[in-house]
Amino acid sequence: MGDVPDPAADRRGGAAAARTEGRLPMRSLRAGRLTYVVLALFTAGSLFPLVWTAIAASRSNTRLAQTPPPFWFGGNLGHNLQVAWTDANMGTALLNTVIVAGTVAAGTVFFSTLAGFAFAKLRFRGSRPLLALVIGTMLIPPQLSVVPLYMLIAKLSWTDRLQAVILPTLVGAFGVFFMRQYLVHALPMELVEAARTDGASSLRVLWHVVFPAARPAMAVLGMLTFVMAWNDFFWPIVALTQNGSPTVQVALTGLGRGYIPDQSVIMAGALLGTLPLLLVFLVFGRQIVGGIMQGAVKG
């Protein structure tokens, strides 16, 4: 009779081989009840501001001023949303914000990937001091650049125009540093050298080698940049006005300017400004998480 294979011995042999190669054997992890309880608490805490905004938007201003405040939905949600949509010109503001946030996110991802690849894999004189200078700009408060930046856009006649908000934020130091740190480990230099040996131009190396390798980080950076550009208030309120091309955050300042501000209408406007972000995450969230996991497996 032939030898009967022993599954336990095979598992022990596989584990020993993994330890010999410097790898740990894969183990399946199971979540316990405490894990689900903690996740449920964190989920409830994260959703509470959004739920409270919807509850406040569905109530009247008089009811919101009472104690205790309401903890369930009322019947004024449709009316308050309509008032906020009309008073804040929310349709135009949402369109402007989509243009600004989308353009800024695309530009930041593109230029940050180019600069990150240069700092990570290319050798040129002064690369380290230049990288330190780029990172050092993150230490400068953005408020210090408001006056010279506003003087510049005023000379260019860009006040109350969307390019005044888009162009100064097309690339940032955080994006460059983020992409540089990712490409240092995720992109082997051998791939770049192999592509150049095959006669690929710099454009083809970027398109067929760098961008596919950087796709997970590009997705994360694009989402973060889109959210930050959507919620940006300080610079748009300086460069734009409601009579020009306001973004959502600037348009919301026009709500509740009466002697007694209507908090329910303000909350309805805030809800209108938040729903597109939720829609974007629901549409692209799976691709972003999948890209992160793909990059983690490759790494």
Protein backbone atom coordinates (compact mmCIF):
# COMPACT_ATOMS: atom_id res chain seq x y z
CA MET A 1 0.00 0.00 0.00
CA GLY A 2 1.14 3.55 -0.73
CA ASP A 3 1.74 6.11 1.91
CA VAL A 4 -1.38 7.90 3.08
CA PRO A 5 -0.89 11.69 3.03
CA ASP A 6 -1.17 13.37 6.39
CA PRO A 7 -2.94 16.77 6.13
CA ALA A 8 -1.68 17.85 9.56
CA ALA A 9 1.90 17.12 8.53
CA ASP A 10 1.42 19.11 5.32
CA ARG A 11 0.13 22.10 7.31
CA ARG A 12 3.07 21.88 9.70
CA GLY A 13 5.46 21.62 6.78
CA GLY A 14 3.87 24.65 5.10
CA ALA A 15 4.09 26.68 8.29
CA ALA A 16 7.72 25.68 8.78
CA ALA A 17 8.52 26.64 5.18
CA ALA A 18 6.81 30.00 5.67
CA ARG A 19 8.87 30.65 8.81
CA THR A 20 12.01 29.64 6.93
CA GLU A 21 11.24 32.14 4.16
CA GLY A 22 10.55 34.88 6.70
CA ARG A 23 6.80 34.88 6.19
CA LEU A 24 4.10 34.22 8.73
CA PRO A 25 1.36 31.72 7.87
CA MET A 26 -1.98 33.24 6.89
CA ARG A 27 -4.58 33.03 9.62
CA SER A 28 -8.26 33.81 9.36
CA LEU A 29 -9.47 36.38 11.88
CA ARG A 30 -13.00 36.37 13.21
CA ALA A 31 -14.71 39.34 14.77
CA GLY A 32 -16.24 38.90 18.19
CA ARG A 33 -19.28 40.52 19.73
CA LEU A 34 -17.24 43.32 21.23
CA THR A 35 -15.97 44.24 17.77
CA TYR A 36 -19.51 44.57 16.44
CA VAL A 37 -20.56 46.63 19.45
CA VAL A 38 -17.64 49.04 19.01
CA LEU A 39 -18.29 49.34 15.26
CA ALA A 40 -21.98 49.97 15.88
CA LEU A 41 -21.17 52.73 18.38
CA PHE A 42 -18.72 54.39 16.00
CA THR A 43 -21.24 54.14 13.14
CA ALA A 44 -24.00 55.66 15.25
CA GLY A 45 -21.70 58.48 16.38
CA SER A 46 -20.66 59.19 12.79
CA LEU A 47 -24.24 59.24 11.49
CA PHE A 48 -25.70 61.29 14.34
CA PRO A 49 -24.76 64.75 12.94
CA LEU A 50 -26.33 63.92 9.58
CA VAL A 51 -29.47 62.49 11.18
CA TRP A 52 -29.78 65.49 13.49
CA THR A 53 -29.42 67.86 10.55
CA ALA A 54 -32.27 66.07 8.77
CA ILE A 55 -34.42 66.17 11.92
CA ALA A 56 -33.78 69.89 12.43
CA ALA A 57 -34.51 70.56 8.75
CA SER A 58 -37.90 68.85 9.10
CA ARG A 59 -39.00 70.98 12.07
CA SER A 60 -40.06 74.59 12.52
CA ASN A 61 -37.84 77.28 13.96
CA THR A 62 -40.12 77.59 17.00
CA ARG A 63 -39.88 73.89 17.79
CA LEU A 64 -36.08 73.93 17.52
CA ALA A 65 -35.92 76.70 20.13
CA GLN A 66 -37.84 74.65 22.70
CA THR A 67 -36.30 72.48 25.41
CA PRO A 68 -35.83 69.57 25.05
CA PRO A 69 -35.06 69.68 21.32
CA PRO A 70 -36.88 67.30 18.97
CA PHE A 71 -35.39 63.86 18.40
CA TRP A 72 -37.60 62.70 15.57
CA PHE A 73 -38.63 63.95 12.15
CA GLY A 74 -41.36 66.49 11.57
CA GLY A 75 -43.49 67.43 8.58
CA ASN A 76 -41.72 70.59 7.32
CA LEU A 77 -38.81 68.99 5.48
CA GLY A 78 -40.14 69.59 1.97
CA HIS A 79 -41.08 73.20 2.69
CA ASN A 80 -37.75 74.04 4.32
CA LEU A 81 -35.78 72.42 1.48
CA GLN A 82 -37.74 74.45 -1.06
CA VAL A 83 -37.13 77.69 0.84
CA ALA A 84 -33.42 76.97 1.19
CA TRP A 85 -33.13 75.99 -2.48
CA THR A 86 -34.76 79.25 -3.58
CA ASP A 87 -33.22 81.70 -1.10
CA ALA A 88 -29.65 80.41 -1.51
CA ASN A 89 -29.91 79.82 -5.27
CA MET A 90 -28.75 76.33 -4.47
CA GLY A 91 -28.97 74.97 -8.00
CA THR A 92 -26.34 77.37 -9.33
CA ALA A 93 -24.25 76.97 -6.18
CA LEU A 94 -24.22 73.16 -6.50
CA LEU A 95 -23.22 73.33 -10.15
CA ASN A 96 -20.40 75.78 -9.36
CA THR A 97 -19.17 73.61 -6.49
CA VAL A 98 -19.17 70.47 -8.65
CA ILE A 99 -17.07 72.30 -11.23
CA VAL A 100 -14.66 73.67 -8.62
CA ALA A 101 -14.30 70.48 -6.57
CA GLY A 102 -14.05 68.21 -9.60
CA THR A 103 -11.46 70.37 -11.37
CA VAL A 104 -9.39 70.85 -8.22
CA ALA A 105 -9.47 67.12 -7.43
CA ALA A 106 -8.47 66.13 -10.98
CA GLY A 107 -5.71 68.74 -11.16
CA THR A 108 -4.35 67.88 -7.73
CA VAL A 109 -4.24 64.16 -8.50
CA PHE A 110 -2.56 64.67 -11.87
CA PHE A 111 0.09 67.21 -10.88
CA SER A 112 0.76 65.58 -7.50
CA THR A 113 1.35 62.24 -9.20
CA LEU A 114 3.82 63.80 -11.64
CA ALA A 115 5.69 65.62 -8.88
CA GLY A 116 5.55 62.61 -6.55
CA PHE A 117 7.04 60.37 -9.23
CA ALA A 118 9.82 62.88 -9.89
CA PHE A 119 10.74 63.13 -6.20
CA ALA A 120 10.43 59.36 -5.65
CA LYS A 121 12.23 57.86 -8.66
CA LEU A 122 14.09 60.52 -10.62
CA ARG A 123 17.55 61.78 -9.75
CA PHE A 124 18.19 65.47 -10.28
CA ARG A 125 20.22 68.14 -8.57
CA GLY A 126 18.55 69.78 -5.61
CA SER A 127 15.76 67.20 -5.25
CA ARG A 128 16.03 66.92 -1.46
CA PRO A 129 16.12 70.67 -0.71
CA LEU A 130 13.26 71.20 -3.13
CA LEU A 131 11.21 68.45 -1.47
CA ALA A 132 11.94 69.96 1.95
CA LEU A 133 10.81 73.35 0.62
CA VAL A 134 7.56 71.86 -0.68
CA ILE A 135 6.86 70.14 2.63
CA GLY A 136 7.77 73.33 4.50
CA THR A 137 4.98 75.22 2.77
CA MET A 138 2.50 73.15 4.80
CA LEU A 139 3.72 75.00 7.90
CA ILE A 140 2.56 78.36 6.51
CA PRO A 141 -1.02 79.28 7.52
CA PRO A 142 -3.19 79.86 4.44
CA GLN A 143 -4.45 83.12 5.93
CA LEU A 144 -1.04 84.72 5.33
CA SER A 145 -1.39 84.38 1.56
CA VAL A 146 -4.90 85.79 1.28
CA VAL A 147 -3.94 89.44 0.76
CA PRO A 148 -1.29 88.93 -1.97
CA LEU A 149 -3.42 86.26 -3.63
CA TYR A 150 -6.46 88.54 -3.70
CA MET A 151 -4.36 91.37 -5.12
CA LEU A 152 -3.20 89.00 -7.87
CA ILE A 153 -6.68 87.85 -8.88
CA ALA A 154 -7.91 91.44 -8.75
CA LYS A 155 -5.24 92.49 -11.27
CA LEU A 156 -6.25 89.54 -13.46
CA SER A 157 -9.95 90.56 -13.16
CA TRP A 158 -10.83 87.14 -11.76
CA THR A 159 -12.88 88.30 -8.77
CA ASP A 160 -16.29 86.61 -8.57
CA ARG A 161 -15.12 84.00 -11.08
CA LEU A 162 -14.56 80.31 -10.50
CA GLN A 163 -10.97 80.33 -11.76
CA ALA A 164 -10.07 82.48 -8.77
CA VAL A 165 -10.87 79.47 -6.57
CA ILE A 166 -9.69 76.71 -8.91
CA LEU A 167 -6.23 77.78 -10.09
CA PRO A 168 -4.59 78.58 -6.70
CA THR A 169 -5.53 75.11 -5.40
CA LEU A 170 -4.75 72.88 -8.40
CA VAL A 171 -1.77 71.38 -6.58
CA GLY A 172 -0.79 71.25 -2.92
CA ALA A 173 2.18 70.19 -0.85
CA PHE A 174 0.21 67.46 0.91
CA GLY A 175 -0.70 65.79 -2.39
CA VAL A 176 2.90 65.86 -3.61
CA PHE A 177 4.20 64.40 -0.34
CA PHE A 178 1.42 61.79 -0.25
CA MET A 179 2.09 60.53 -3.77
CA ARG A 180 5.85 60.62 -3.27
CA GLN A 181 5.65 58.45 -0.17
CA TYR A 182 3.38 55.97 -1.92
CA LEU A 183 5.41 55.66 -5.11
CA VAL A 184 8.67 55.14 -3.21
CA HIS A 185 7.47 51.68 -2.13
CA ALA A 186 4.70 50.81 -4.63
CA LEU A 187 6.63 51.45 -7.85
CA PRO A 188 9.78 49.35 -8.35
CA MET A 189 12.45 51.20 -10.28
CA GLU A 190 13.01 48.04 -12.33
CA LEU A 191 9.64 48.54 -14.04
CA VAL A 192 10.57 52.06 -15.10
CA GLU A 193 13.98 50.96 -16.35
CA ALA A 194 12.46 48.01 -18.21
CA ALA A 195 9.98 50.30 -19.95
CA ARG A 196 12.75 52.67 -20.96
CA THR A 197 14.85 49.75 -22.21
CA ASP A 198 11.96 48.71 -24.44
CA GLY A 199 12.02 52.18 -25.98
CA ALA A 200 9.03 53.70 -24.19
CA SER A 201 8.91 57.47 -24.08
CA SER A 202 8.46 59.42 -20.86
CA LEU A 203 4.76 59.91 -21.66
CA ARG A 204 4.24 56.17 -22.18
CA VAL A 205 6.13 55.38 -18.97
CA LEU A 206 3.81 57.70 -17.08
CA TRP A 207 0.67 56.36 -18.71
CA HIS A 208 1.43 52.62 -18.70
CA VAL A 209 3.67 52.24 -15.64
CA VAL A 210 3.36 55.10 -13.16
CA PHE A 211 -0.38 55.78 -13.30
CA PRO A 212 -1.45 52.10 -12.95
CA ALA A 213 0.88 51.63 -10.00
CA ALA A 214 -0.34 54.85 -8.36
CA ARG A 215 -4.05 54.24 -8.97
CA PRO A 216 -4.98 53.32 -5.36
CA ALA A 217 -3.26 56.41 -3.94
CA MET A 218 -4.71 58.57 -6.71
CA ALA A 219 -8.22 57.42 -5.79
CA VAL A 220 -7.71 58.24 -2.11
CA LEU A 221 -6.13 61.61 -2.84
CA GLY A 222 -8.89 62.46 -5.30
CA MET A 223 -11.61 61.72 -2.76
CA LEU A 224 -9.88 63.68 0.01
CA THR A 225 -9.25 66.64 -2.28
CA PHE A 226 -12.82 66.63 -3.57
CA VAL A 227 -14.23 66.69 -0.04
CA MET A 228 -11.86 69.47 1.07
CA ALA A 229 -12.63 71.55 -2.02
CA TRP A 230 -16.36 71.03 -1.54
CA ASN A 231 -16.24 72.14 2.10
CA ASP A 232 -13.76 74.99 1.58
CA PHE A 233 -15.15 78.24 2.91
CA PHE A 234 -12.38 80.68 3.77
CA TRP A 235 -10.92 81.43 0.34
CA PRO A 236 -14.22 81.19 -1.63
CA ILE A 237 -15.91 83.70 0.71
CA VAL A 238 -13.06 86.12 -0.05
CA ALA A 239 -12.84 85.54 -3.80
CA LEU A 240 -16.54 85.01 -4.57
CA THR A 241 -19.77 86.73 -3.64
CA GLN A 242 -23.39 85.70 -3.89
CA ASN A 243 -23.87 88.16 -6.75
CA GLY A 244 -21.16 86.39 -8.75
CA SER A 245 -20.64 82.61 -8.85
CA PRO A 246 -20.97 81.36 -5.27
CA THR A 247 -20.13 77.87 -4.13
CA VAL A 248 -22.35 75.95 -1.73
CA GLN A 249 -20.55 77.10 1.41
CA VAL A 250 -20.72 80.75 0.30
CA ALA A 251 -24.38 80.44 -0.71
CA LEU A 252 -25.30 79.02 2.71
CA THR A 253 -24.21 82.28 4.34
CA GLY A 254 -27.22 83.95 2.71
CA LEU A 255 -29.63 81.85 4.76
CA GLY A 256 -30.92 83.07 8.08
CA ARG A 257 -29.93 86.72 7.75
CA GLY A 258 -33.16 88.00 9.23
CA TYR A 259 -33.67 89.50 12.68
CA ILE A 260 -34.51 86.01 13.94
CA PRO A 261 -32.59 83.47 11.84
CA ASP A 262 -34.63 80.47 10.76
CA GLN A 263 -32.43 77.60 11.95
CA SER A 264 -34.60 74.98 10.27
CA VAL A 265 -34.02 76.57 6.85
CA ILE A 266 -30.29 76.82 7.57
CA MET A 267 -30.21 73.12 8.44
CA ALA A 268 -32.15 72.35 5.26
CA GLY A 269 -29.52 74.22 3.23
CA ALA A 270 -26.74 72.34 5.02
CA LEU A 271 -28.51 69.07 4.21
CA LEU A 272 -28.72 70.02 0.52
CA GLY A 273 -25.00 70.79 0.53
CA THR A 274 -24.14 67.45 2.14
CA LEU A 275 -26.22 65.06 0.05
CA PRO A 276 -24.02 65.29 -3.09
CA LEU A 277 -20.97 64.23 -1.06
CA LEU A 278 -22.84 61.17 0.17
CA LEU A 279 -23.87 60.37 -3.39
CA VAL A 280 -20.27 60.62 -4.62
CA PHE A 281 -19.05 58.31 -1.89
CA LEU A 282 -21.83 55.78 -2.54
CA VAL A 283 -20.95 55.72 -6.25
CA PHE A 284 -17.16 55.66 -5.97
CA GLY A 285 -16.63 54.27 -2.47
CA ARG A 286 -16.35 50.65 -3.59
CA GLN A 287 -13.81 51.52 -6.28
CA ILE A 288 -11.73 53.50 -3.79
CA VAL A 289 -11.74 50.73 -1.17
CA GLY A 290 -10.99 48.16 -3.87
CA GLY A 291 -8.07 50.24 -5.07
CA ILE A 292 -6.71 50.55 -1.55
CA MET A 293 -6.93 46.80 -1.01
CA GLN A 294 -5.34 46.14 -4.39
CA GLY A 295 -2.45 48.41 -3.52
CA ALA A 296 -2.07 46.76 -0.12
CA VAL A 297 -1.92 43.30 -1.69
CA LYS A 298 0.63 44.42 -4.26
CA GLY A 299 2.68 46.10 -1.57
